[in-house]
């Protein structure tokens, strides 16, 4: 009984970390897009 509760808890923690990692990737992707737009505006301003 104790073992199954322990396994469930471990799986829950792993699922939590994976979901946070997925959110982090989306945030980094969005940040990259914002930086790209900023770079394009700077390039347009120097022409």
C-alpha atoms as a PDB file:
ATOM      1  CA  UNK A   1       0.000   0.000   0.000  1.00  0.00           C
ATOM      2  CA  UNK A   2       2.736   2.472   0.952  1.00  0.00           C
ATOM      3  CA  UNK A   3       4.594   1.660  -2.248  1.00  0.00           C
ATOM      4  CA  UNK A   4       1.646   2.498  -4.510  1.00  0.00           C
ATOM      5  CA  UNK A   5       1.132   5.865  -2.776  1.00  0.00           C
ATOM      6  CA  UNK A   6       4.842   6.597  -3.178  1.00  0.00           C
ATOM      7  CA  UNK A   7       4.731   5.699  -6.890  1.00  0.00           C
ATOM      8  CA  UNK A   8       1.667   7.896  -7.414  1.00  0.00           C
ATOM      9  CA  UNK A   9       3.364  10.820  -5.710  1.00  0.00           C
ATOM     10  CA  UNK A  10       6.510  10.397  -7.807  1.00  0.00           C
ATOM     11  CA  UNK A  11       4.449  10.281 -11.015  1.00  0.00           C
ATOM     12  CA  UNK A  12       2.550  13.400  -9.963  1.00  0.00           C
ATOM     13  CA  UNK A  13       5.788  15.296  -9.315  1.00  0.00           C
ATOM     14  CA  UNK A  14       7.248  14.185 -12.661  1.00  0.00           C
ATOM     15  CA  UNK A  15       4.074  15.261 -14.472  1.00  0.00           C
ATOM     16  CA  UNK A  16       4.304  18.653 -12.764  1.00  0.00           C
ATOM     17  CA  UNK A  17       7.904  19.162 -13.858  1.00  0.00           C
ATOM     18  CA  UNK A  18       7.088  18.157 -17.434  1.00  0.00           C
ATOM     19  CA  UNK A  19       4.179  20.586 -17.611  1.00  0.00           C
ATOM     20  CA  UNK A  20       6.362  23.402 -16.264  1.00  0.00           C
ATOM     21  CA  UNK A  21       9.064  22.540 -18.790  1.00  0.00           C
ATOM     22  CA  UNK A  22       6.483  22.773 -21.574  1.00  0.00           C
ATOM     23  CA  UNK A  23       5.388  26.198 -20.378  1.00  0.00           C
ATOM     24  CA  UNK A  24       9.015  27.317 -20.238  1.00  0.00           C
ATOM     25  CA  UNK A  25       9.568  26.314 -23.843  1.00  0.00           C
ATOM     26  CA  UNK A  26       6.531  28.293 -24.987  1.00  0.00           C
ATOM     27  CA  UNK A  27       7.722  31.333 -23.052  1.00  0.00           C
ATOM     28  CA  UNK A  28      11.222  31.132 -24.540  1.00  0.00           C
ATOM     29  CA  UNK A  29       9.737  30.749 -28.016  1.00  0.00           C
ATOM     30  CA  UNK A  30       7.576  33.853 -27.520  1.00  0.00           C
ATOM     31  CA  UNK A  31      10.560  35.784 -26.177  1.00  0.00           C
ATOM     32  CA  UNK A  32      12.549  34.838 -29.286  1.00  0.00           C
ATOM     33  CA  UNK A  33       9.778  36.150 -31.527  1.00  0.00           C
ATOM     34  CA  UNK A  34       9.673  39.434 -29.593  1.00  0.00           C
ATOM     35  CA  UNK A  35      13.435  39.837 -29.888  1.00  0.00           C
ATOM     36  CA  UNK A  36      13.259  39.140 -33.620  1.00  0.00           C
ATOM     37  CA  UNK A  37      10.630  41.863 -34.091  1.00  0.00           C
ATOM     38  CA  UNK A  38      12.747  44.305 -32.081  1.00  0.00           C
ATOM     39  CA  UNK A  39      15.780  43.520 -34.244  1.00  0.00           C
ATOM     40  CA  UNK A  40      13.760  44.074 -37.411  1.00  0.00           C
ATOM     41  CA  UNK A  41      12.576  47.485 -36.165  1.00  0.00           C
ATOM     42  CA  UNK A  42      16.168  48.481 -35.385  1.00  0.00           C
ATOM     43  CA  UNK A  43      17.276  47.403 -38.848  1.00  0.00           C
ATOM     44  CA  UNK A  44      14.414  49.345 -40.459  1.00  0.00           C
ATOM     45  CA  UNK A  45      15.388  52.423 -38.426  1.00  0.00           C
ATOM     46  CA  UNK A  46      18.988  52.325 -39.714  1.00  0.00           C
ATOM     47  CA  UNK A  47      18.010  52.314 -43.399  1.00  0.00           C
END
